[in-house]
Amino acid sequence: MQGGYWCWDEASCLQRQQDSPDLTSSKGWPQAINPAGFLSSNPKNNPNFYDANKVYINYCTSDAYAGFNSTQILGGQRWIFNGKVVIRSIIEDLLKNFALRKAKYIVFSGCSAGGQGVVNNLDFVANILAEAGVKAPVFGIGDSGWMMDMTSTRSNYSIRDEFVKAGPLWGAIPN
């Protein structure tokens, strides 16, 4: 899952929209990407996972993939924080339209806010898969997803305080 921090109140969301519009809307995204690293399909660049099935989840919900259908009006604009809903929808689509049920193992990973998304959703995803009868073990890699309890570089709040402020905004459901 793609990273890109989050917003926690009206001011931070509006600043995010101004600074990083690609992280607040999917408008203008390409239909497909050619990822690098362990998502690459090139055996020379990715000898261990080049032939694995991979899904890259772009990030536009600004909620560390924790929002649950929360709609807010911020700066006169409608914002929808539904990262957890996006995750559920993608897993359901993979179950219905692709061979996810035949997987030998499933690795759910993300970096930065995507890594925090793994922390926020690993049990949620494993439960969806178990309820669907998927027998494959589910592993999580939260790359740079553990957020230190210190003052954020983007606000005067601790990262914990940002999450506490953001929970109601996002409609987040505690695990």
C-alpha atoms as a PDB file:
ATOM      1  CA  MET A   1       0.000   0.000   0.000  1.00  0.00           C
ATOM      2  CA  GLN A   2       1.230   3.429  -0.912  1.00  0.00           C
ATOM      3  CA  GLY A   3       2.274   5.776   1.856  1.00  0.00           C
ATOM      4  CA  GLY A   4       1.910   9.500   2.176  1.00  0.00           C
ATOM      5  CA  TYR A   5       1.150  10.515   5.779  1.00  0.00           C
ATOM      6  CA  TRP A   6      -2.403  11.654   6.668  1.00  0.00           C
ATOM      7  CA  CYS A   7      -4.391  14.625   7.836  1.00  0.00           C
ATOM      8  CA  TRP A   8      -6.030  14.983  11.264  1.00  0.00           C
ATOM      9  CA  ASP A   9      -8.088  18.201  11.178  1.00  0.00           C
ATOM     10  CA  GLU A  10      -9.486  20.699   8.717  1.00  0.00           C
ATOM     11  CA  ALA A  11      -6.307  22.787   8.491  1.00  0.00           C
ATOM     12  CA  SER A  12      -4.021  19.792   7.901  1.00  0.00           C
ATOM     13  CA  CYS A  13      -6.392  18.309   5.303  1.00  0.00           C
ATOM     14  CA  LEU A  14      -6.650  21.554   3.347  1.00  0.00           C
ATOM     15  CA  GLN A  15      -2.862  21.971   3.453  1.00  0.00           C
ATOM     16  CA  ARG A  16      -2.484  18.370   2.271  1.00  0.00           C
ATOM     17  CA  GLN A  17      -4.808  19.003  -0.637  1.00  0.00           C
ATOM     18  CA  GLN A  18      -2.765  22.039  -1.653  1.00  0.00           C
ATOM     19  CA  ASP A  19       0.645  20.361  -1.236  1.00  0.00           C
ATOM     20  CA  SER A  20      -0.162  16.812  -2.413  1.00  0.00           C
ATOM     21  CA  PRO A  21      -3.382  16.714  -4.479  1.00  0.00           C
ATOM     22  CA  ASP A  22      -2.516  13.210  -5.734  1.00  0.00           C
ATOM     23  CA  LEU A  23      -2.862  11.995  -2.122  1.00  0.00           C
ATOM     24  CA  THR A  24      -6.353  13.473  -1.695  1.00  0.00           C
ATOM     25  CA  SER A  25      -8.022  12.339  -4.925  1.00  0.00           C
ATOM     26  CA  SER A  26      -7.649   9.623  -7.527  1.00  0.00           C
ATOM     27  CA  LYS A  27      -8.371  12.098 -10.347  1.00  0.00           C
ATOM     28  CA  GLY A  28      -5.533  12.059 -12.840  1.00  0.00           C
ATOM     29  CA  TRP A  29      -4.066   8.743 -11.776  1.00  0.00           C
ATOM     30  CA  PRO A  30      -2.864   6.468 -14.590  1.00  0.00           C
ATOM     31  CA  GLN A  31      -4.787   3.248 -15.296  1.00  0.00           C
ATOM     32  CA  ALA A  32      -1.658   1.169 -14.693  1.00  0.00           C
ATOM     33  CA  ILE A  33       1.837   1.614 -13.319  1.00  0.00           C
ATOM     34  CA  ASN A  34       5.124  -0.212 -13.791  1.00  0.00           C
ATOM     35  CA  PRO A  35       6.352  -0.562 -10.198  1.00  0.00           C
ATOM     36  CA  ALA A  36       9.910  -1.138  -9.107  1.00  0.00           C
ATOM     37  CA  GLY A  37      11.456  -3.019  -6.204  1.00  0.00           C
ATOM     38  CA  PHE A  38       9.738  -6.128  -4.909  1.00  0.00           C
ATOM     39  CA  LEU A  39       6.627  -5.254  -6.943  1.00  0.00           C
ATOM     40  CA  SER A  40       8.569  -5.466 -10.213  1.00  0.00           C
ATOM     41  CA  SER A  41       7.803  -8.277 -12.665  1.00  0.00           C
ATOM     42  CA  ASN A  42      11.362  -8.165 -14.004  1.00  0.00           C
ATOM     43  CA  PRO A  43      13.297 -11.242 -12.755  1.00  0.00           C
ATOM     44  CA  LYS A  44      16.571  -9.325 -13.016  1.00  0.00           C
ATOM     45  CA  ASN A  45      15.315  -6.590 -10.674  1.00  0.00           C
ATOM     46  CA  ASN A  46      13.173  -8.826  -8.466  1.00  0.00           C
ATOM     47  CA  PRO A  47      14.478 -12.404  -8.510  1.00  0.00           C
ATOM     48  CA  ASN A  48      12.409 -13.562  -5.519  1.00  0.00           C
ATOM     49  CA  PHE A  49       8.954 -12.192  -6.302  1.00  0.00           C
ATOM     50  CA  TYR A  50       8.928 -11.326 -10.028  1.00  0.00           C
ATOM     51  CA  ASP A  51       6.342 -14.015 -10.813  1.00  0.00           C
ATOM     52  CA  ALA A  52       4.101 -13.454  -7.783  1.00  0.00           C
ATOM     53  CA  ASN A  53       0.664 -11.896  -8.153  1.00  0.00           C
ATOM     54  CA  LYS A  54       0.869  -8.347  -6.821  1.00  0.00           C
ATOM     55  CA  VAL A  55      -1.639  -5.573  -6.188  1.00  0.00           C
ATOM     56  CA  TYR A  56      -0.515  -1.989  -5.636  1.00  0.00           C
ATOM     57  CA  ILE A  57      -2.998   0.115  -3.680  1.00  0.00           C
ATOM     58  CA  ASN A  58      -2.742   3.822  -4.343  1.00  0.00           C
ATOM     59  CA  TYR A  59      -3.468   6.136  -1.428  1.00  0.00           C
ATOM     60  CA  CYS A  60      -5.954   8.987  -1.638  1.00  0.00           C
ATOM     61  CA  THR A  61      -8.021   8.625   1.539  1.00  0.00           C
ATOM     62  CA  SER A  62      -5.653  10.570   3.840  1.00  0.00           C
ATOM     63  CA  ASP A  63      -6.579   8.301   6.774  1.00  0.00           C
ATOM     64  CA  ALA A  64      -3.782   5.711   7.070  1.00  0.00           C
ATOM     65  CA  TYR A  65      -6.339   3.251   5.629  1.00  0.00           C
ATOM     66  CA  ALA A  66      -8.386   3.492   8.849  1.00  0.00           C
ATOM     67  CA  GLY A  67     -11.444   5.511   7.774  1.00  0.00           C
ATOM     68  CA  PHE A  68     -14.808   3.829   7.716  1.00  0.00           C
ATOM     69  CA  ASN A  69     -17.189   5.797   5.448  1.00  0.00           C
ATOM     70  CA  SER A  70     -16.794   9.115   7.209  1.00  0.00           C
ATOM     71  CA  THR A  71     -17.875  12.076   5.077  1.00  0.00           C
ATOM     72  CA  GLN A  72     -16.837  15.520   6.275  1.00  0.00           C
ATOM     73  CA  ILE A  73     -17.153  19.031   4.882  1.00  0.00           C
ATOM     74  CA  LEU A  74     -13.753  20.700   5.129  1.00  0.00           C
ATOM     75  CA  GLY A  75     -13.139  24.102   3.573  1.00  0.00           C
ATOM     76  CA  GLY A  76     -16.526  23.866   1.841  1.00  0.00           C
ATOM     77  CA  GLN A  77     -15.539  20.613   0.092  1.00  0.00           C
ATOM     78  CA  ARG A  78     -16.687  17.063   0.693  1.00  0.00           C
ATOM     79  CA  TRP A  79     -13.989  14.724   1.988  1.00  0.00           C
ATOM     80  CA  ILE A  80     -14.540  10.978   2.269  1.00  0.00           C
ATOM     81  CA  PHE A  81     -12.290   9.052   4.645  1.00  0.00           C
ATOM     82  CA  ASN A  82     -12.857   5.417   3.710  1.00  0.00           C
ATOM     83  CA  GLY A  83      -9.489   3.667   3.654  1.00  0.00           C
ATOM     84  CA  LYS A  84     -10.774   0.590   5.497  1.00  0.00           C
ATOM     85  CA  VAL A  85     -13.679   0.380   3.034  1.00  0.00           C
ATOM     86  CA  VAL A  86     -11.222   0.583   0.119  1.00  0.00           C
ATOM     87  CA  ILE A  87      -9.216  -2.304   1.597  1.00  0.00           C
ATOM     88  CA  ARG A  88     -12.359  -4.418   2.050  1.00  0.00           C
ATOM     89  CA  SER A  89     -13.496  -3.662  -1.511  1.00  0.00           C
ATOM     90  CA  ILE A  90     -10.144  -4.604  -3.008  1.00  0.00           C
ATOM     91  CA  ILE A  91      -9.994  -7.895  -1.080  1.00  0.00           C
ATOM     92  CA  GLU A  92     -13.576  -8.714  -2.096  1.00  0.00           C
ATOM     93  CA  ASP A  93     -12.776  -7.935  -5.744  1.00  0.00           C
ATOM     94  CA  LEU A  94      -9.678 -10.147  -5.632  1.00  0.00           C
ATOM     95  CA  LEU A  95     -11.747 -12.964  -4.122  1.00  0.00           C
ATOM     96  CA  LYS A  96     -14.503 -12.618  -6.715  1.00  0.00           C
ATOM     97  CA  ASN A  97     -12.566 -11.884  -9.903  1.00  0.00           C
ATOM     98  CA  PHE A  98      -9.081 -13.287  -9.372  1.00  0.00           C
ATOM     99  CA  ALA A  99      -7.618 -16.473  -7.928  1.00  0.00           C
ATOM    100  CA  LEU A 100      -6.946 -15.162  -4.424  1.00  0.00           C
ATOM    101  CA  ARG A 101      -8.547 -18.287  -2.925  1.00  0.00           C
ATOM    102  CA  LYS A 102      -5.785 -20.366  -4.564  1.00  0.00           C
ATOM    103  CA  ALA A 103      -2.931 -18.381  -3.010  1.00  0.00           C
ATOM    104  CA  LYS A 104      -0.274 -20.366  -1.168  1.00  0.00           C
ATOM    105  CA  TYR A 105       0.477 -17.386   1.045  1.00  0.00           C
ATOM    106  CA  ILE A 106      -0.569 -13.747   1.187  1.00  0.00           C
ATOM    107  CA  VAL A 107       1.744 -10.864   2.039  1.00  0.00           C
ATOM    108  CA  PHE A 108      -0.044  -7.645   2.966  1.00  0.00           C
ATOM    109  CA  SER A 109       2.476  -4.798   2.945  1.00  0.00           C
ATOM    110  CA  GLY A 110       2.803  -1.063   2.850  1.00  0.00           C
ATOM    111  CA  CYS A 111       5.263   1.729   3.484  1.00  0.00           C
ATOM    112  CA  SER A 112       4.889   4.751   5.773  1.00  0.00           C
ATOM    113  CA  ALA A 113       1.143   5.521   5.955  1.00  0.00           C
ATOM    114  CA  GLY A 114       0.712   2.292   3.973  1.00  0.00           C
ATOM    115  CA  GLY A 115       2.742   0.518   6.673  1.00  0.00           C
ATOM    116  CA  GLN A 116       0.462   2.056   9.281  1.00  0.00           C
ATOM    117  CA  GLY A 117      -2.396   0.787   7.102  1.00  0.00           C
ATOM    118  CA  VAL A 118      -0.993  -2.725   7.520  1.00  0.00           C
ATOM    119  CA  VAL A 119      -0.952  -2.221  11.291  1.00  0.00           C
ATOM    120  CA  ASN A 120      -4.523  -0.873  11.132  1.00  0.00           C
ATOM    121  CA  ASN A 121      -5.865  -3.652   8.883  1.00  0.00           C
ATOM    122  CA  LEU A 122      -3.857  -6.894   9.055  1.00  0.00           C
ATOM    123  CA  ASP A 123      -6.319  -8.663  11.364  1.00  0.00           C
ATOM    124  CA  PHE A 124      -9.229  -7.143   9.426  1.00  0.00           C
ATOM    125  CA  VAL A 125      -7.877  -8.550   6.127  1.00  0.00           C
ATOM    126  CA  ALA A 126      -7.038 -11.939   7.660  1.00  0.00           C
ATOM    127  CA  ASN A 127     -10.605 -12.177   9.019  1.00  0.00           C
ATOM    128  CA  ILE A 128     -12.161 -11.304   5.647  1.00  0.00           C
ATOM    129  CA  LEU A 129     -10.043 -13.983   3.999  1.00  0.00           C
ATOM    130  CA  ALA A 130     -10.811 -16.588   6.683  1.00  0.00           C
ATOM    131  CA  GLU A 131     -14.558 -15.885   6.384  1.00  0.00           C
ATOM    132  CA  ALA A 132     -14.200 -16.422   2.621  1.00  0.00           C
ATOM    133  CA  GLY A 133     -12.585 -19.812   3.230  1.00  0.00           C
ATOM    134  CA  VAL A 134      -9.051 -18.813   2.202  1.00  0.00           C
ATOM    135  CA  LYS A 135      -6.619 -21.226   3.832  1.00  0.00           C
ATOM    136  CA  ALA A 136      -3.378 -19.388   2.946  1.00  0.00           C
ATOM    137  CA  PRO A 137      -1.471 -17.828   5.822  1.00  0.00           C
ATOM    138  CA  VAL A 138      -1.532 -14.028   5.842  1.00  0.00           C
ATOM    139  CA  PHE A 139       1.668 -12.130   6.636  1.00  0.00           C
ATOM    140  CA  GLY A 140       2.068  -8.401   7.179  1.00  0.00           C
ATOM    141  CA  ILE A 141       4.975  -6.096   6.443  1.00  0.00           C
ATOM    142  CA  GLY A 142       4.445  -2.648   7.926  1.00  0.00           C
ATOM    143  CA  ASP A 143       7.536  -0.981   6.420  1.00  0.00           C
ATOM    144  CA  SER A 144       8.120   2.280   8.321  1.00  0.00           C
ATOM    145  CA  GLY A 145       4.614   1.944   9.683  1.00  0.00           C
ATOM    146  CA  TRP A 146       5.376   2.051  13.388  1.00  0.00           C
ATOM    147  CA  MET A 147       4.859   5.650  14.368  1.00  0.00           C
ATOM    148  CA  MET A 148       7.008   6.883  17.233  1.00  0.00           C
ATOM    149  CA  ASP A 149       5.227   8.608  20.089  1.00  0.00           C
ATOM    150  CA  MET A 150       7.022  11.902  19.576  1.00  0.00           C
ATOM    151  CA  THR A 151       6.221  15.322  18.194  1.00  0.00           C
ATOM    152  CA  SER A 152       5.365  15.073  14.513  1.00  0.00           C
ATOM    153  CA  THR A 153       7.528  16.834  11.959  1.00  0.00           C
ATOM    154  CA  ARG A 154       4.304  18.187  10.422  1.00  0.00           C
ATOM    155  CA  SER A 155       2.545  19.624  13.467  1.00  0.00           C
ATOM    156  CA  ASN A 156       3.044  20.578  17.084  1.00  0.00           C
ATOM    157  CA  TYR A 157       1.221  17.410  18.128  1.00  0.00           C
ATOM    158  CA  SER A 158       2.596  14.031  18.958  1.00  0.00           C
ATOM    159  CA  ILE A 159       1.759  11.450  16.329  1.00  0.00           C
ATOM    160  CA  ARG A 160      -0.427   9.738  18.943  1.00  0.00           C
ATOM    161  CA  ASP A 161      -2.344  13.014  19.385  1.00  0.00           C
ATOM    162  CA  GLU A 162      -2.761  13.332  15.612  1.00  0.00           C
ATOM    163  CA  PHE A 163      -4.341   9.876  15.572  1.00  0.00           C
ATOM    164  CA  VAL A 164      -6.588  10.697  18.542  1.00  0.00           C
ATOM    165  CA  LYS A 165      -7.752  13.895  16.788  1.00  0.00           C
ATOM    166  CA  ALA A 166      -8.134  12.081  13.462  1.00  0.00           C
ATOM    167  CA  GLY A 167     -10.176   9.106  14.703  1.00  0.00           C
ATOM    168  CA  PRO A 168     -13.551  10.883  14.756  1.00  0.00           C
ATOM    169  CA  LEU A 169     -12.750  12.769  11.534  1.00  0.00           C
ATOM    170  CA  TRP A 170     -11.995   9.502   9.741  1.00  0.00           C
ATOM    171  CA  GLY A 171     -14.775   7.489  11.334  1.00  0.00           C
ATOM    172  CA  ALA A 172     -12.035   5.075  12.412  1.00  0.00           C
ATOM    173  CA  ILE A 173     -13.074   1.940  14.240  1.00  0.00           C
ATOM    174  CA  PRO A 174     -10.550   0.893  16.917  1.00  0.00           C
ATOM    175  CA  ASN A 175      -9.169  -2.627  16.427  1.00  0.00           C
END
